[in-house]
Amino acid sequence: MAFHVAAPKFGKNQQVYFLGGSGKVKTCFLDSGIWAYCVEMELGPAPESGRIGPEATVLLHQSEIEGAIA
């Protein structure tokens, strides 16, 4: 029996939003038949000590992403 998986809903570098914030898709992969996305959150105001790199990258399943930012 063949198992068909739909194409991912969101693409690399696409701006998306989700409960708790928004960010840009860095990569996606199949996780037990469900698309999972590594999303780099948008940067907040710079701290006094400066910034070394992105503040946070979160791992979200497709159902946790509300949609794309136009």
C-alpha atoms as a PDB file:
ATOM      1  CA  MET A   1       0.000   0.000   0.000  1.00  0.00           C
ATOM      2  CA  ALA A   2       1.532   3.334  -1.060  1.00  0.00           C
ATOM      3  CA  PHE A   3       1.543   6.273   1.314  1.00  0.00           C
ATOM      4  CA  HIS A   4       1.242   9.723  -0.286  1.00  0.00           C
ATOM      5  CA  VAL A   5       2.537  12.803   1.519  1.00  0.00           C
ATOM      6  CA  ALA A   6       1.464  16.242   0.308  1.00  0.00           C
ATOM      7  CA  ALA A   7       4.103  18.824  -0.524  1.00  0.00           C
ATOM      8  CA  PRO A   8       5.086  21.179   2.312  1.00  0.00           C
ATOM      9  CA  LYS A   9       2.737  24.144   2.736  1.00  0.00           C
ATOM     10  CA  PHE A  10       5.527  26.653   3.492  1.00  0.00           C
ATOM     11  CA  GLY A  11       8.814  27.168   1.667  1.00  0.00           C
ATOM     12  CA  LYS A  12      12.358  28.132   2.585  1.00  0.00           C
ATOM     13  CA  ASN A  13      12.772  31.829   3.524  1.00  0.00           C
ATOM     14  CA  GLN A  14       8.982  32.310   3.690  1.00  0.00           C
ATOM     15  CA  GLN A  15       7.774  34.611   6.484  1.00  0.00           C
ATOM     16  CA  VAL A  16       5.261  32.804   8.729  1.00  0.00           C
ATOM     17  CA  TYR A  17       3.478  33.455  11.990  1.00  0.00           C
ATOM     18  CA  PHE A  18       2.536  31.181  14.875  1.00  0.00           C
ATOM     19  CA  LEU A  19       1.389  31.361  18.470  1.00  0.00           C
ATOM     20  CA  GLY A  20       4.133  33.334  20.202  1.00  0.00           C
ATOM     21  CA  GLY A  21       5.666  35.142  17.270  1.00  0.00           C
ATOM     22  CA  SER A  22       6.714  35.175  13.666  1.00  0.00           C
ATOM     23  CA  GLY A  23       9.791  34.299  11.693  1.00  0.00           C
ATOM     24  CA  LYS A  24      11.343  32.917   8.539  1.00  0.00           C
ATOM     25  CA  VAL A  25      11.393  29.241   7.503  1.00  0.00           C
ATOM     26  CA  LYS A  26      14.986  28.031   7.349  1.00  0.00           C
ATOM     27  CA  THR A  27      14.331  24.391   6.429  1.00  0.00           C
ATOM     28  CA  CYS A  28      11.625  21.736   6.530  1.00  0.00           C
ATOM     29  CA  PHE A  29      11.624  17.947   6.720  1.00  0.00           C
ATOM     30  CA  LEU A  30       9.246  15.038   7.195  1.00  0.00           C
ATOM     31  CA  ASP A  31       8.814  13.884  10.791  1.00  0.00           C
ATOM     32  CA  SER A  32       6.748  10.668  10.942  1.00  0.00           C
ATOM     33  CA  GLY A  33       4.762  11.738   7.876  1.00  0.00           C
ATOM     34  CA  ILE A  34       4.164  15.307   9.122  1.00  0.00           C
ATOM     35  CA  TRP A  35       6.063  18.337   7.825  1.00  0.00           C
ATOM     36  CA  ALA A  36       8.238  19.985  10.469  1.00  0.00           C
ATOM     37  CA  TYR A  37       9.830  23.424  10.035  1.00  0.00           C
ATOM     38  CA  CYS A  38      12.850  25.124  11.584  1.00  0.00           C
ATOM     39  CA  VAL A  39      11.741  28.752  11.907  1.00  0.00           C
ATOM     40  CA  GLU A  40      14.163  31.536  12.850  1.00  0.00           C
ATOM     41  CA  MET A  41      12.228  34.017  14.971  1.00  0.00           C
ATOM     42  CA  GLU A  42      12.376  37.715  14.150  1.00  0.00           C
ATOM     43  CA  LEU A  43      14.855  39.716  16.179  1.00  0.00           C
ATOM     44  CA  GLY A  44      13.572  41.972  18.909  1.00  0.00           C
ATOM     45  CA  PRO A  45      15.253  45.205  19.977  1.00  0.00           C
ATOM     46  CA  ALA A  46      19.028  44.828  20.258  1.00  0.00           C
ATOM     47  CA  PRO A  47      20.253  44.352  23.844  1.00  0.00           C
ATOM     48  CA  GLU A  48      22.858  46.761  25.283  1.00  0.00           C
ATOM     49  CA  SER A  49      25.505  44.038  25.136  1.00  0.00           C
ATOM     50  CA  GLY A  50      25.013  43.570  21.391  1.00  0.00           C
ATOM     51  CA  ARG A  51      23.956  40.535  19.408  1.00  0.00           C
ATOM     52  CA  ILE A  52      26.030  37.559  18.238  1.00  0.00           C
ATOM     53  CA  GLY A  53      23.454  35.815  16.007  1.00  0.00           C
ATOM     54  CA  PRO A  54      19.767  34.944  15.749  1.00  0.00           C
ATOM     55  CA  GLU A  55      17.867  34.988  19.032  1.00  0.00           C
ATOM     56  CA  ALA A  56      16.028  31.711  18.572  1.00  0.00           C
ATOM     57  CA  THR A  57      15.154  29.029  16.082  1.00  0.00           C
ATOM     58  CA  VAL A  58      12.061  26.984  16.883  1.00  0.00           C
ATOM     59  CA  LEU A  59      10.922  23.625  15.547  1.00  0.00           C
ATOM     60  CA  LEU A  60       7.226  23.635  14.586  1.00  0.00           C
ATOM     61  CA  HIS A  61       4.924  21.134  12.911  1.00  0.00           C
ATOM     62  CA  GLN A  62       2.901  22.423   9.974  1.00  0.00           C
ATOM     63  CA  SER A  63      -0.299  22.448  12.076  1.00  0.00           C
ATOM     64  CA  GLU A  64       1.352  24.879  14.541  1.00  0.00           C
ATOM     65  CA  ILE A  65       2.019  27.517  11.880  1.00  0.00           C
ATOM     66  CA  GLU A  66      -0.935  29.850  11.390  1.00  0.00           C
ATOM     67  CA  GLY A  67       0.032  31.067   7.936  1.00  0.00           C
ATOM     68  CA  ALA A  68       2.293  33.114   5.747  1.00  0.00           C
ATOM     69  CA  ILE A  69       2.893  36.816   6.127  1.00  0.00           C
ATOM     70  CA  ALA A  70       2.006  38.640   2.921  1.00  0.00           C
END
